[in-house]
Amino acid sequence: MSDPFSTDGFEQPIVHETALSKSMVFSDIDIQSRMSVARPDELQFEYTRLMMGMLLFQPQPKRVLMVGLGGGSLAKFCYKHLPEAHITVVEINPHVIALRQSFCIPDDDARFQVVQMDAAHFMAQTEQTFDVVFVDGFDQHGMPEQLCSPQFYSDCRRVLTSGGVAVANLHRFTAYRDVYVDRIEGAFNGAVWVVNAPGTTNCVVFAMHGYSKDTKLSYSKQKPTPMNDDAWAQISPSVARIFLATQEKTRS
């Protein structure tokens, strides 16, 4: 078996293609990302649809930061369906970035940028602020230590605008899952909701900056403008699920 690591020390992703889909993998066990050939902007995995539940907190985000590019599922969805949002994606692995055209990820332009950098360093150094921070950074060993440290989660809160939301994808059966949730709760003063993605091993943590008991969250079946019906149909059950989670915590 060939060495999956190149001379620069970064793991080389493998692309698996069928007539219907294209997948990015780092091992024979875990699929990093999957894209429908016919519908490249579609969210194929339940956890990505759940992460779009951030619209409950930020229905019209202006600035979005994404930690981890992968096959660009969330990046493409947000770029297409949130046309007012400026999106910055931070990805450490240059070999992942090199596959962006293969996965129909848009080129950099006035509202979309991919930055090759350690996201922990980016987060610590940036003076930009964001309405939404997505954290979905994994390597062949799982979550890199620097992307789940107390300092990293504190930096996530620091770069968020008031009312902004951090959305972290976690493996819910990892031995450190509760540790990571505790760290996020500490950084966000307990304003945290943990929701399992049905039928998966993922859970998604939503953490809001500036949340108080007076903060009102509401869910409407009306799709956001300018999202089309198909896109809203993909994610509306997840937005509703997050809303129910916030209401249960409010009552408890």
Protein backbone atom coordinates (compact mmCIF):
# COMPACT_ATOMS: atom_id res chain seq x y z
CA MET A 1 0.00 0.00 0.00
CA SER A 2 1.39 3.39 -0.93
CA ASP A 3 2.18 6.00 1.72
CA PRO A 4 -0.84 8.30 2.00
CA PHE A 5 1.36 11.18 3.11
CA SER A 6 3.22 13.39 0.65
CA THR A 7 6.66 14.87 1.24
CA ASP A 8 5.07 17.98 2.77
CA GLY A 9 3.59 15.92 5.61
CA PHE A 10 -0.05 16.40 4.65
CA GLU A 11 -2.27 13.42 3.98
CA GLN A 12 -3.31 12.82 0.40
CA PRO A 13 -7.09 12.41 0.08
CA ILE A 14 -8.44 9.76 -2.27
CA VAL A 15 -11.35 10.40 -4.64
CA HIS A 16 -13.80 7.58 -5.28
CA GLU A 17 -16.17 8.02 -8.21
CA THR A 18 -19.32 6.25 -9.32
CA ALA A 19 -21.85 7.15 -12.00
CA LEU A 20 -23.94 8.94 -9.36
CA SER A 21 -21.52 10.37 -6.83
CA LYS A 22 -18.00 11.45 -6.01
CA SER A 23 -16.48 10.96 -2.55
CA MET A 24 -13.36 12.18 -0.76
CA VAL A 25 -11.85 9.74 1.74
CA PHE A 26 -8.82 9.58 4.00
CA SER A 27 -9.29 5.94 4.97
CA ASP A 28 -11.34 2.90 4.04
CA ILE A 29 -13.66 3.58 6.98
CA ASP A 30 -14.65 7.25 6.93
CA ILE A 31 -15.98 9.27 4.02
CA GLN A 32 -14.84 12.86 4.33
CA SER A 33 -17.32 14.23 1.83
CA ARG A 34 -19.72 13.05 -0.86
CA MET A 35 -21.14 14.93 -3.82
CA SER A 36 -24.02 14.06 -6.10
CA VAL A 37 -22.81 14.31 -9.70
CA ALA A 38 -26.25 15.50 -10.85
CA ARG A 39 -26.76 17.91 -7.93
CA PRO A 40 -23.32 19.07 -6.74
CA ASP A 41 -24.74 21.66 -4.32
CA GLU A 42 -26.94 19.17 -2.49
CA LEU A 43 -26.16 18.31 1.15
CA GLN A 44 -25.65 14.55 1.08
CA PHE A 45 -25.04 13.93 4.79
CA GLU A 46 -27.52 14.45 7.61
CA TYR A 47 -25.00 16.20 9.85
CA THR A 48 -24.38 18.89 7.22
CA ARG A 49 -28.11 19.53 6.98
CA LEU A 50 -28.20 19.75 10.76
CA MET A 51 -25.34 22.26 10.78
CA MET A 52 -27.44 24.51 8.55
CA GLY A 53 -29.75 24.78 11.55
CA MET A 54 -27.60 27.83 12.31
CA LEU A 55 -30.25 29.73 10.31
CA LEU A 56 -32.42 29.60 13.43
CA PHE A 57 -29.91 31.93 15.11
CA GLN A 58 -28.67 33.84 12.06
CA PRO A 59 -31.32 33.81 9.27
CA GLN A 60 -29.34 36.24 7.10
CA PRO A 61 -25.65 36.01 7.99
CA LYS A 62 -23.36 38.53 6.33
CA ARG A 63 -20.01 36.95 7.18
CA VAL A 64 -19.41 33.22 7.52
CA LEU A 65 -16.21 31.43 8.57
CA MET A 66 -15.73 27.74 7.87
CA VAL A 67 -13.03 25.62 9.52
CA GLY A 68 -12.33 22.73 7.15
CA LEU A 69 -13.08 22.57 3.43
CA GLY A 70 -13.30 18.85 2.65
CA GLY A 71 -15.41 18.39 -0.46
CA GLY A 72 -17.00 21.79 0.12
CA SER A 73 -20.56 20.64 0.83
CA LEU A 74 -21.41 23.42 3.28
CA ALA A 75 -19.34 25.98 1.38
CA LYS A 76 -21.19 25.32 -1.89
CA PHE A 77 -24.59 25.28 -0.24
CA CYS A 78 -24.01 28.58 1.55
CA TYR A 79 -22.44 30.19 -1.50
CA LYS A 80 -25.46 29.32 -3.64
CA HIS A 81 -28.29 29.87 -1.19
CA LEU A 82 -26.96 32.73 0.96
CA PRO A 83 -25.97 35.19 -1.78
CA GLU A 84 -25.57 38.09 0.66
CA ALA A 85 -22.99 36.23 2.74
CA HIS A 86 -19.22 36.58 2.43
CA ILE A 87 -17.64 33.17 3.07
CA THR A 88 -14.09 32.48 4.26
CA VAL A 89 -12.95 28.84 4.38
CA VAL A 90 -9.77 27.89 6.26
CA GLU A 91 -8.22 24.56 5.27
CA ILE A 92 -4.77 23.39 6.36
CA ASN A 93 -4.27 20.61 3.80
CA PRO A 94 -3.17 21.87 0.35
CA HIS A 95 -4.08 18.53 -1.25
CA VAL A 96 -7.69 18.99 -0.19
CA ILE A 97 -7.72 22.49 -1.66
CA ALA A 98 -6.22 21.13 -4.89
CA LEU A 99 -9.37 19.06 -5.40
CA ARG A 100 -11.74 22.02 -5.26
CA GLN A 101 -12.51 22.01 -8.98
CA SER A 102 -13.12 18.26 -8.93
CA PHE A 103 -15.81 18.88 -6.30
CA CYS A 104 -17.29 21.91 -8.08
CA ILE A 105 -16.17 24.32 -5.35
CA PRO A 106 -16.32 27.87 -6.71
CA ASP A 107 -13.22 29.89 -7.44
CA ASP A 108 -12.27 32.70 -5.09
CA ASP A 109 -14.17 35.89 -5.79
CA ALA A 110 -15.46 38.98 -4.00
CA ARG A 111 -17.56 36.91 -1.56
CA PHE A 112 -15.78 33.56 -1.39
CA GLN A 113 -12.22 32.81 -0.30
CA VAL A 114 -10.31 29.65 0.61
CA VAL A 115 -7.28 30.22 2.86
CA GLN A 116 -4.60 27.56 3.36
CA MET A 117 -3.71 27.89 7.04
CA ASP A 118 -3.99 26.18 10.40
CA ALA A 119 -7.44 27.31 11.54
CA ALA A 120 -6.31 27.62 15.15
CA HIS A 121 -3.66 30.12 14.07
CA PHE A 122 -6.14 31.94 11.84
CA MET A 123 -8.66 32.18 14.66
CA ALA A 124 -6.08 33.46 17.13
CA GLN A 125 -4.74 36.12 14.76
CA THR A 126 -7.73 37.40 12.81
CA GLU A 127 -9.30 40.75 13.61
CA GLN A 128 -12.32 39.95 11.44
CA THR A 129 -15.69 39.17 12.99
CA PHE A 130 -18.28 36.71 11.73
CA ASP A 131 -21.96 35.98 12.21
CA VAL A 132 -21.41 32.24 11.87
CA VAL A 133 -18.38 30.00 12.52
CA PHE A 134 -18.63 26.41 11.26
CA VAL A 135 -16.12 23.98 12.80
CA ASP A 136 -15.81 20.74 10.83
CA GLY A 137 -12.10 19.99 10.82
CA PHE A 138 -11.00 16.35 10.91
CA ASP A 139 -7.92 14.45 9.82
CA GLN A 140 -7.17 10.72 9.65
CA HIS A 141 -6.93 10.60 13.46
CA GLY A 142 -10.12 12.52 14.18
CA MET A 143 -10.28 16.08 15.50
CA PRO A 144 -6.88 17.78 15.65
CA GLU A 145 -6.02 18.83 19.19
CA GLN A 146 -5.68 22.49 18.28
CA LEU A 147 -9.27 22.58 16.96
CA CYS A 148 -10.88 21.42 20.19
CA SER A 149 -8.82 23.20 22.84
CA PRO A 150 -10.31 25.64 25.37
CA GLN A 151 -8.33 28.43 23.69
CA PHE A 152 -9.73 27.59 20.25
CA TYR A 153 -13.32 27.65 21.49
CA SER A 154 -12.61 30.91 23.30
CA ASP A 155 -11.29 32.35 20.04
CA CYS A 156 -14.45 31.15 18.28
CA ARG A 157 -16.50 33.22 20.69
CA ARG A 158 -14.19 36.21 20.36
CA VAL A 159 -14.54 36.45 16.58
CA LEU A 160 -18.34 36.18 16.65
CA THR A 161 -20.61 39.19 16.45
CA SER A 162 -23.20 39.61 19.19
CA GLY A 163 -25.91 37.07 18.40
CA GLY A 164 -23.49 35.09 16.28
CA VAL A 165 -23.33 31.31 16.44
CA ALA A 166 -20.56 28.71 16.39
CA VAL A 167 -21.54 25.33 14.95
CA ALA A 168 -19.26 22.37 15.69
CA ASN A 169 -19.50 18.88 14.25
CA LEU A 170 -18.40 16.25 16.78
CA HIS A 171 -18.18 12.47 16.74
CA ARG A 172 -20.68 11.62 19.46
CA PHE A 173 -19.10 8.29 20.42
CA THR A 174 -15.57 9.60 20.95
CA ALA A 175 -14.28 9.28 24.50
CA TYR A 176 -13.67 13.03 24.56
CA ARG A 177 -17.08 14.16 23.34
CA ASP A 178 -18.23 15.39 26.77
CA VAL A 179 -14.89 17.11 27.33
CA TYR A 180 -15.30 19.08 24.11
CA VAL A 181 -18.88 20.02 24.96
CA ASP A 182 -17.78 21.19 28.42
CA ARG A 183 -15.08 23.34 26.83
CA ILE A 184 -17.59 24.91 24.46
CA GLU A 185 -20.01 25.55 27.34
CA GLY A 186 -17.22 27.21 29.28
CA ALA A 187 -16.32 29.49 26.40
CA PHE A 188 -19.95 30.44 25.71
CA ASN A 189 -21.23 30.75 29.28
CA GLY A 190 -23.51 27.75 28.90
CA ALA A 191 -25.38 29.04 25.83
CA VAL A 192 -24.97 25.67 24.11
CA TRP A 193 -27.31 23.14 22.50
CA VAL A 194 -26.19 19.63 21.51
CA VAL A 195 -28.27 17.82 18.89
CA ASN A 196 -27.62 14.33 17.54
CA ALA A 197 -27.80 13.87 13.78
CA PRO A 198 -30.38 11.08 13.27
CA GLY A 199 -29.00 7.83 11.96
CA THR A 200 -25.36 8.95 12.21
CA THR A 201 -22.44 8.94 14.63
CA ASN A 202 -22.35 12.76 14.56
CA CYS A 203 -23.66 15.33 16.97
CA VAL A 204 -23.73 19.05 16.27
CA VAL A 205 -23.10 21.68 18.93
CA PHE A 206 -24.61 25.15 18.56
CA ALA A 207 -23.13 27.88 20.75
CA MET A 208 -24.47 31.43 20.72
CA HIS A 209 -22.54 34.57 21.62
CA GLY A 210 -24.62 37.06 23.57
CA TYR A 211 -27.48 34.70 24.39
CA SER A 212 -29.65 35.45 27.42
CA LYS A 213 -33.01 34.32 28.77
CA ASP A 214 -34.52 37.31 26.99
CA THR A 215 -33.25 36.13 23.61
CA LYS A 216 -36.18 35.09 21.46
CA LEU A 217 -35.73 32.36 18.86
CA SER A 218 -38.53 31.50 16.48
CA TYR A 219 -39.06 28.94 13.75
CA SER A 220 -41.14 29.49 10.63
CA LYS A 221 -41.98 26.99 7.92
CA GLN A 222 -41.61 29.89 5.49
CA LYS A 223 -38.38 29.47 3.54
CA PRO A 224 -35.84 32.26 3.79
CA THR A 225 -35.55 34.60 0.83
CA PRO A 226 -33.83 33.87 -1.60
CA MET A 227 -33.49 30.14 -0.82
CA ASN A 228 -35.32 27.92 -3.31
CA ASP A 229 -37.89 25.29 -2.35
CA ASP A 230 -35.55 22.34 -2.89
CA ALA A 231 -32.82 23.77 -0.66
CA TRP A 232 -35.28 24.64 2.10
CA ALA A 233 -36.80 21.16 1.91
CA GLN A 234 -33.34 19.73 2.58
CA ILE A 235 -32.71 21.67 5.77
CA SER A 236 -36.06 22.79 7.24
CA PRO A 237 -36.52 19.61 9.35
CA SER A 238 -33.10 20.24 10.87
CA VAL A 239 -33.87 23.89 11.62
CA ALA A 240 -37.07 22.73 13.33
CA ARG A 241 -35.12 20.14 15.33
CA ILE A 242 -32.72 22.80 16.61
CA PHE A 243 -35.64 25.04 17.56
CA LEU A 244 -37.19 22.24 19.63
CA ALA A 245 -33.84 21.69 21.36
CA THR A 246 -33.65 25.38 22.33
CA GLN A 247 -37.18 25.28 23.71
CA GLU A 248 -36.51 22.19 25.78
CA LYS A 249 -33.46 23.81 27.33
CA THR A 250 -35.42 26.98 28.07
CA ARG A 251 -38.04 24.98 29.97
CA SER A 252 -35.53 22.92 31.91
